């Protein structure tokens, strides 16, 4: 072998290093492509799960005692959800109408006709019912502690109420509300109420004990 065709060791070593790094780059590229195919976290995929009913299975329905702890916890949660649904205001007018005005609205579903008629007389309800565009403010409800249980299915709940728009936040106001629940065990629950009101509870009393009147009467629409 002549001297001009001989490969010097440093040159041979550099070529080997380049070859090794090129191979590693290819392996890493293939690995990333494979992982991208295995975990399409940024792409939704639709799939269906089908099951066959087992003829050997049986379902037993047991009535809970009226003083059961689970029922009491449900009632307290129901009171809080009612207060939130009745008083919270969102910017989307369509969402508000579904919650307050439309047939099957949760506030109507959870109220006796008498309580719902009083709710319909508030200023904010009339604004939602009218042909207004989306509001520029939101009014959340913050609970101060858990509802206090009284006698005869009555509860008192304390809330902190305020509204926020692009210019800032209104003064927070505290309210103490007494809520009475009623339930007719002989009443058949409507099919549309089976998920939102499985026990068939109704708010039969909604009395503001402390506060500046109904919070829905001082909100001004824009």
C-alpha atoms as a PDB file:
ATOM      1  CA  UNK A   1       0.000   0.000   0.000  1.00  0.00           C
ATOM      2  CA  UNK A   2       1.356   3.342  -0.987  1.00  0.00           C
ATOM      3  CA  UNK A   3       1.558   6.215   1.417  1.00  0.00           C
ATOM      4  CA  UNK A   4      -1.104   8.254  -0.406  1.00  0.00           C
ATOM      5  CA  UNK A   5      -3.693   5.488   0.068  1.00  0.00           C
ATOM      6  CA  UNK A   6      -2.987   4.898   3.727  1.00  0.00           C
ATOM      7  CA  UNK A   7      -5.590   6.152   6.256  1.00  0.00           C
ATOM      8  CA  UNK A   8      -4.026   7.787   9.269  1.00  0.00           C
ATOM      9  CA  UNK A   9      -5.402   6.681  12.686  1.00  0.00           C
ATOM     10  CA  UNK A  10      -6.758  10.154  13.670  1.00  0.00           C
ATOM     11  CA  UNK A  11      -8.688  10.400  10.426  1.00  0.00           C
ATOM     12  CA  UNK A  12     -10.042   6.864  10.848  1.00  0.00           C
ATOM     13  CA  UNK A  13     -11.096   7.638  14.416  1.00  0.00           C
ATOM     14  CA  UNK A  14     -12.898  10.820  13.388  1.00  0.00           C
ATOM     15  CA  UNK A  15     -14.772   8.923  10.688  1.00  0.00           C
ATOM     16  CA  UNK A  16     -15.828   6.276  13.209  1.00  0.00           C
ATOM     17  CA  UNK A  17     -17.063   8.968  15.610  1.00  0.00           C
ATOM     18  CA  UNK A  18     -19.070  10.641  12.834  1.00  0.00           C
ATOM     19  CA  UNK A  19     -20.582   7.278  11.888  1.00  0.00           C
ATOM     20  CA  UNK A  20     -21.511   6.518  15.513  1.00  0.00           C
ATOM     21  CA  UNK A  21     -23.170   9.926  16.024  1.00  0.00           C
ATOM     22  CA  UNK A  22     -25.042   9.595  12.740  1.00  0.00           C
ATOM     23  CA  UNK A  23     -26.330   6.197  13.826  1.00  0.00           C
ATOM     24  CA  UNK A  24     -27.409   7.595  17.205  1.00  0.00           C
ATOM     25  CA  UNK A  25     -29.263  10.458  15.508  1.00  0.00           C
ATOM     26  CA  UNK A  26     -31.154   8.001  13.304  1.00  0.00           C
ATOM     27  CA  UNK A  27     -32.036   5.833  16.305  1.00  0.00           C
ATOM     28  CA  UNK A  28     -33.275   8.844  18.290  1.00  0.00           C
ATOM     29  CA  UNK A  29     -35.360  10.047  15.339  1.00  0.00           C
ATOM     30  CA  UNK A  30     -36.983   6.632  14.948  1.00  0.00           C
ATOM     31  CA  UNK A  31     -37.577   6.470  18.713  1.00  0.00           C
ATOM     32  CA  UNK A  32     -39.334   9.849  18.803  1.00  0.00           C
ATOM     33  CA  UNK A  33     -41.476   8.927  15.798  1.00  0.00           C
ATOM     34  CA  UNK A  34     -42.434   5.636  17.458  1.00  0.00           C
ATOM     35  CA  UNK A  35     -43.340   7.334  20.732  1.00  0.00           C
ATOM     36  CA  UNK A  36     -45.403   9.881  18.838  1.00  0.00           C
ATOM     37  CA  UNK A  37     -47.340   7.069  17.221  1.00  0.00           C
ATOM     38  CA  UNK A  38     -47.796   5.226  20.501  1.00  0.00           C
ATOM     39  CA  UNK A  39     -48.965   8.209  22.554  1.00  0.00           C
ATOM     40  CA  UNK A  40     -51.131  10.546  20.463  1.00  0.00           C
ATOM     41  CA  UNK A  41     -51.871  12.762  23.454  1.00  0.00           C
ATOM     42  CA  UNK A  42     -52.727  15.770  21.304  1.00  0.00           C
ATOM     43  CA  UNK A  43     -55.142  13.945  19.013  1.00  0.00           C
ATOM     44  CA  UNK A  44     -58.590  12.771  20.141  1.00  0.00           C
ATOM     45  CA  UNK A  45     -59.532   9.244  19.219  1.00  0.00           C
ATOM     46  CA  UNK A  46     -63.055   7.829  19.217  1.00  0.00           C
ATOM     47  CA  UNK A  47     -63.676   4.318  20.463  1.00  0.00           C
ATOM     48  CA  UNK A  48     -66.692   2.315  21.539  1.00  0.00           C
ATOM     49  CA  UNK A  49     -67.038  -0.188  24.360  1.00  0.00           C
ATOM     50  CA  UNK A  50     -69.796  -2.721  24.047  1.00  0.00           C
ATOM     51  CA  UNK A  51     -70.904  -5.057  26.794  1.00  0.00           C
ATOM     52  CA  UNK A  52     -73.344  -7.907  26.997  1.00  0.00           C
ATOM     53  CA  UNK A  53     -75.739  -8.032  29.958  1.00  0.00           C
ATOM     54  CA  UNK A  54     -75.130 -10.927  32.272  1.00  0.00           C
ATOM     55  CA  UNK A  55     -78.312 -12.889  32.841  1.00  0.00           C
ATOM     56  CA  UNK A  56     -76.974 -14.129  36.149  1.00  0.00           C
ATOM     57  CA  UNK A  57     -76.670 -10.593  37.602  1.00  0.00           C
ATOM     58  CA  UNK A  58     -79.350  -9.118  39.828  1.00  0.00           C
ATOM     59  CA  UNK A  59     -79.839  -5.659  41.321  1.00  0.00           C
ATOM     60  CA  UNK A  60     -81.340  -5.171  44.739  1.00  0.00           C
ATOM     61  CA  UNK A  61     -82.716  -1.740  45.676  1.00  0.00           C
ATOM     62  CA  UNK A  62     -82.789  -0.984  49.387  1.00  0.00           C
ATOM     63  CA  UNK A  63     -84.511   2.099  50.820  1.00  0.00           C
ATOM     64  CA  UNK A  64     -82.250   4.176  53.042  1.00  0.00           C
ATOM     65  CA  UNK A  65     -83.572   5.153  56.482  1.00  0.00           C
ATOM     66  CA  UNK A  66     -84.903   8.696  56.633  1.00  0.00           C
ATOM     67  CA  UNK A  67     -82.288   9.651  59.251  1.00  0.00           C
ATOM     68  CA  UNK A  68     -79.448   8.003  57.409  1.00  0.00           C
ATOM     69  CA  UNK A  69     -76.187   9.960  57.399  1.00  0.00           C
ATOM     70  CA  UNK A  70     -75.917   9.714  53.629  1.00  0.00           C
ATOM     71  CA  UNK A  71     -79.349  11.285  53.142  1.00  0.00           C
ATOM     72  CA  UNK A  72     -78.444  14.179  55.446  1.00  0.00           C
ATOM     73  CA  UNK A  73     -75.200  14.777  53.550  1.00  0.00           C
ATOM     74  CA  UNK A  74     -77.140  14.743  50.296  1.00  0.00           C
ATOM     75  CA  UNK A  75     -79.611  17.324  51.616  1.00  0.00           C
ATOM     76  CA  UNK A  76     -76.829  19.664  52.708  1.00  0.00           C
ATOM     77  CA  UNK A  77     -75.167  19.338  49.307  1.00  0.00           C
ATOM     78  CA  UNK A  78     -78.546  19.926  47.649  1.00  0.00           C
ATOM     79  CA  UNK A  79     -79.010  23.167  49.605  1.00  0.00           C
ATOM     80  CA  UNK A  80     -75.600  24.447  48.496  1.00  0.00           C
ATOM     81  CA  UNK A  81     -76.184  23.512  44.868  1.00  0.00           C
ATOM     82  CA  UNK A  82     -79.555  25.260  44.906  1.00  0.00           C
ATOM     83  CA  UNK A  83     -78.109  28.480  46.324  1.00  0.00           C
ATOM     84  CA  UNK A  84     -75.318  28.398  43.751  1.00  0.00           C
ATOM     85  CA  UNK A  85     -77.642  27.700  40.827  1.00  0.00           C
ATOM     86  CA  UNK A  86     -80.116  30.387  41.909  1.00  0.00           C
ATOM     87  CA  UNK A  87     -77.622  33.202  42.499  1.00  0.00           C
ATOM     88  CA  UNK A  88     -74.528  32.716  40.381  1.00  0.00           C
ATOM     89  CA  UNK A  89     -74.410  34.771  37.176  1.00  0.00           C
ATOM     90  CA  UNK A  90     -72.308  33.855  34.145  1.00  0.00           C
ATOM     91  CA  UNK A  91     -71.436  35.852  31.043  1.00  0.00           C
ATOM     92  CA  UNK A  92     -73.062  33.382  28.639  1.00  0.00           C
ATOM     93  CA  UNK A  93     -76.729  34.332  28.369  1.00  0.00           C
ATOM     94  CA  UNK A  94     -77.673  30.954  26.843  1.00  0.00           C
ATOM     95  CA  UNK A  95     -76.264  29.108  29.849  1.00  0.00           C
ATOM     96  CA  UNK A  96     -78.161  31.391  32.201  1.00  0.00           C
ATOM     97  CA  UNK A  97     -81.458  30.831  30.399  1.00  0.00           C
ATOM     98  CA  UNK A  98     -81.015  27.060  30.508  1.00  0.00           C
ATOM     99  CA  UNK A  99     -80.335  27.285  34.238  1.00  0.00           C
ATOM    100  CA  UNK A 100     -83.072  29.779  35.132  1.00  0.00           C
ATOM    101  CA  UNK A 101     -85.715  30.212  32.459  1.00  0.00           C
ATOM    102  CA  UNK A 102     -86.077  27.329  30.010  1.00  0.00           C
ATOM    103  CA  UNK A 103     -88.400  24.375  30.531  1.00  0.00           C
ATOM    104  CA  UNK A 104     -86.679  21.858  32.764  1.00  0.00           C
ATOM    105  CA  UNK A 105     -84.299  24.449  34.266  1.00  0.00           C
ATOM    106  CA  UNK A 106     -82.672  23.282  37.482  1.00  0.00           C
ATOM    107  CA  UNK A 107     -83.950  26.233  39.518  1.00  0.00           C
ATOM    108  CA  UNK A 108     -87.532  25.481  38.482  1.00  0.00           C
ATOM    109  CA  UNK A 109     -86.964  21.760  38.986  1.00  0.00           C
ATOM    110  CA  UNK A 110     -85.644  22.273  42.513  1.00  0.00           C
ATOM    111  CA  UNK A 111     -88.258  24.855  43.607  1.00  0.00           C
ATOM    112  CA  UNK A 112     -91.884  24.644  44.558  1.00  0.00           C
ATOM    113  CA  UNK A 113     -94.112  26.793  42.299  1.00  0.00           C
ATOM    114  CA  UNK A 114     -94.477  29.434  45.028  1.00  0.00           C
ATOM    115  CA  UNK A 115     -90.727  29.819  45.562  1.00  0.00           C
ATOM    116  CA  UNK A 116     -90.059  29.859  41.826  1.00  0.00           C
ATOM    117  CA  UNK A 117     -92.632  32.640  41.282  1.00  0.00           C
ATOM    118  CA  UNK A 118     -90.827  34.820  43.826  1.00  0.00           C
ATOM    119  CA  UNK A 119     -87.545  34.096  42.038  1.00  0.00           C
ATOM    120  CA  UNK A 120     -89.111  35.163  38.737  1.00  0.00           C
ATOM    121  CA  UNK A 121     -89.805  38.611  40.195  1.00  0.00           C
ATOM    122  CA  UNK A 122     -86.119  39.465  40.705  1.00  0.00           C
ATOM    123  CA  UNK A 123     -84.467  42.064  38.484  1.00  0.00           C
ATOM    124  CA  UNK A 124     -81.783  39.695  37.269  1.00  0.00           C
ATOM    125  CA  UNK A 125     -84.293  37.036  36.240  1.00  0.00           C
ATOM    126  CA  UNK A 126     -86.153  39.609  34.138  1.00  0.00           C
ATOM    127  CA  UNK A 127     -82.888  40.695  32.531  1.00  0.00           C
ATOM    128  CA  UNK A 128     -82.014  37.095  31.677  1.00  0.00           C
ATOM    129  CA  UNK A 129     -85.512  36.485  30.272  1.00  0.00           C
ATOM    130  CA  UNK A 130     -85.308  39.533  28.012  1.00  0.00           C
ATOM    131  CA  UNK A 131     -83.376  39.654  24.760  1.00  0.00           C
ATOM    132  CA  UNK A 132     -80.072  40.838  26.218  1.00  0.00           C
ATOM    133  CA  UNK A 133     -76.635  39.967  24.807  1.00  0.00           C
ATOM    134  CA  UNK A 134     -74.026  38.257  26.945  1.00  0.00           C
ATOM    135  CA  UNK A 135     -73.233  40.066  30.199  1.00  0.00           C
ATOM    136  CA  UNK A 136     -69.852  41.629  30.880  1.00  0.00           C
ATOM    137  CA  UNK A 137     -69.628  40.459  34.479  1.00  0.00           C
ATOM    138  CA  UNK A 138     -69.780  37.311  36.580  1.00  0.00           C
ATOM    139  CA  UNK A 139     -71.151  36.863  40.084  1.00  0.00           C
ATOM    140  CA  UNK A 140     -69.793  33.820  41.964  1.00  0.00           C
ATOM    141  CA  UNK A 141     -71.044  32.472  45.279  1.00  0.00           C
ATOM    142  CA  UNK A 142     -68.642  31.628  48.102  1.00  0.00           C
ATOM    143  CA  UNK A 143     -69.968  29.585  51.010  1.00  0.00           C
ATOM    144  CA  UNK A 144     -69.002  30.468  54.565  1.00  0.00           C
ATOM    145  CA  UNK A 145     -68.998  27.098  56.237  1.00  0.00           C
ATOM    146  CA  UNK A 146     -71.403  24.215  55.693  1.00  0.00           C
ATOM    147  CA  UNK A 147     -75.209  24.546  55.909  1.00  0.00           C
ATOM    148  CA  UNK A 148     -76.543  24.386  59.467  1.00  0.00           C
ATOM    149  CA  UNK A 149     -79.316  21.860  59.954  1.00  0.00           C
ATOM    150  CA  UNK A 150     -82.421  23.036  61.804  1.00  0.00           C
ATOM    151  CA  UNK A 151     -85.665  21.247  62.599  1.00  0.00           C
ATOM    152  CA  UNK A 152     -88.326  20.207  60.094  1.00  0.00           C
ATOM    153  CA  UNK A 153     -85.957  19.958  57.115  1.00  0.00           C
ATOM    154  CA  UNK A 154     -84.801  23.561  57.444  1.00  0.00           C
ATOM    155  CA  UNK A 155     -81.263  24.766  56.901  1.00  0.00           C
ATOM    156  CA  UNK A 156     -79.393  28.048  57.180  1.00  0.00           C
ATOM    157  CA  UNK A 157     -76.497  28.788  54.868  1.00  0.00           C
ATOM    158  CA  UNK A 158     -74.089  31.726  54.801  1.00  0.00           C
ATOM    159  CA  UNK A 159     -72.687  33.004  51.512  1.00  0.00           C
ATOM    160  CA  UNK A 160     -70.381  35.786  50.334  1.00  0.00           C
ATOM    161  CA  UNK A 161     -71.547  37.398  47.126  1.00  0.00           C
ATOM    162  CA  UNK A 162     -69.851  39.817  44.722  1.00  0.00           C
ATOM    163  CA  UNK A 163     -69.588  40.577  41.035  1.00  0.00           C
ATOM    164  CA  UNK A 164     -66.534  41.097  38.860  1.00  0.00           C
ATOM    165  CA  UNK A 165     -66.275  42.857  35.493  1.00  0.00           C
ATOM    166  CA  UNK A 166     -63.512  44.411  33.394  1.00  0.00           C
ATOM    167  CA  UNK A 167     -63.286  47.427  35.707  1.00  0.00           C
ATOM    168  CA  UNK A 168     -62.839  45.470  38.894  1.00  0.00           C
ATOM    169  CA  UNK A 169     -64.783  43.864  41.712  1.00  0.00           C
ATOM    170  CA  UNK A 170     -67.788  45.100  43.653  1.00  0.00           C
ATOM    171  CA  UNK A 171     -67.855  45.076  47.430  1.00  0.00           C
ATOM    172  CA  UNK A 172     -68.376  41.627  48.862  1.00  0.00           C
ATOM    173  CA  UNK A 173     -71.664  41.201  50.717  1.00  0.00           C
ATOM    174  CA  UNK A 174     -72.555  38.459  53.169  1.00  0.00           C
ATOM    175  CA  UNK A 175     -75.995  36.849  53.307  1.00  0.00           C
ATOM    176  CA  UNK A 176     -77.601  34.361  55.672  1.00  0.00           C
ATOM    177  CA  UNK A 177     -80.412  32.389  54.060  1.00  0.00           C
ATOM    178  CA  UNK A 178     -82.936  29.962  55.520  1.00  0.00           C
ATOM    179  CA  UNK A 179     -84.030  27.177  53.192  1.00  0.00           C
ATOM    180  CA  UNK A 180     -86.821  24.705  53.792  1.00  0.00           C
ATOM    181  CA  UNK A 181     -87.015  21.395  51.954  1.00  0.00           C
ATOM    182  CA  UNK A 182     -90.044  19.301  51.170  1.00  0.00           C
ATOM    183  CA  UNK A 183     -90.406  15.918  49.539  1.00  0.00           C
ATOM    184  CA  UNK A 184     -93.527  13.925  48.794  1.00  0.00           C
ATOM    185  CA  UNK A 185     -92.620  10.259  48.938  1.00  0.00           C
ATOM    186  CA  UNK A 186     -95.688   9.373  46.882  1.00  0.00           C
ATOM    187  CA  UNK A 187     -94.720  11.666  43.999  1.00  0.00           C
ATOM    188  CA  UNK A 188     -93.321  10.000  40.908  1.00  0.00           C
ATOM    189  CA  UNK A 189     -90.121  11.691  39.766  1.00  0.00           C
ATOM    190  CA  UNK A 190     -90.121  12.838  36.157  1.00  0.00           C
ATOM    191  CA  UNK A 191     -87.681  11.096  33.846  1.00  0.00           C
ATOM    192  CA  UNK A 192     -85.834  14.358  33.106  1.00  0.00           C
ATOM    193  CA  UNK A 193     -85.243  14.849  36.853  1.00  0.00           C
ATOM    194  CA  UNK A 194     -83.737  11.445  37.560  1.00  0.00           C
ATOM    195  CA  UNK A 195     -80.115  12.715  37.450  1.00  0.00           C
ATOM    196  CA  UNK A 196     -80.465  16.269  38.779  1.00  0.00           C
ATOM    197  CA  UNK A 197     -82.966  15.469  41.521  1.00  0.00           C
ATOM    198  CA  UNK A 198     -83.106  11.740  42.316  1.00  0.00           C
ATOM    199  CA  UNK A 199     -84.769  12.218  45.738  1.00  0.00           C
ATOM    200  CA  UNK A 200     -87.420  14.595  44.422  1.00  0.00           C
ATOM    201  CA  UNK A 201     -86.520  17.375  46.878  1.00  0.00           C
ATOM    202  CA  UNK A 202     -88.068  20.827  46.475  1.00  0.00           C
ATOM    203  CA  UNK A 203     -87.151  24.125  48.092  1.00  0.00           C
ATOM    204  CA  UNK A 204     -90.369  25.213  49.763  1.00  0.00           C
ATOM    205  CA  UNK A 205     -88.884  28.185  51.653  1.00  0.00           C
ATOM    206  CA  UNK A 206     -86.207  30.682  50.635  1.00  0.00           C
ATOM    207  CA  UNK A 207     -85.883  33.464  53.210  1.00  0.00           C
ATOM    208  CA  UNK A 208     -83.007  35.955  53.365  1.00  0.00           C
ATOM    209  CA  UNK A 209     -82.352  36.532  57.064  1.00  0.00           C
ATOM    210  CA  UNK A 210     -79.299  38.822  56.891  1.00  0.00           C
ATOM    211  CA  UNK A 211     -78.181  40.937  53.959  1.00  0.00           C
ATOM    212  CA  UNK A 212     -79.256  43.770  51.714  1.00  0.00           C
ATOM    213  CA  UNK A 213     -82.343  42.091  50.276  1.00  0.00           C
ATOM    214  CA  UNK A 214     -82.188  39.594  47.436  1.00  0.00           C
ATOM    215  CA  UNK A 215     -78.743  39.838  45.746  1.00  0.00           C
ATOM    216  CA  UNK A 216     -80.403  39.452  42.347  1.00  0.00           C
ATOM    217  CA  UNK A 217     -82.264  42.740  42.792  1.00  0.00           C
ATOM    218  CA  UNK A 218     -79.295  45.107  42.809  1.00  0.00           C
ATOM    219  CA  UNK A 219     -77.339  43.706  39.862  1.00  0.00           C
ATOM    220  CA  UNK A 220     -77.521  46.062  36.892  1.00  0.00           C
ATOM    221  CA  UNK A 221     -77.200  44.609  33.417  1.00  0.00           C
ATOM    222  CA  UNK A 222     -74.910  46.317  30.920  1.00  0.00           C
END
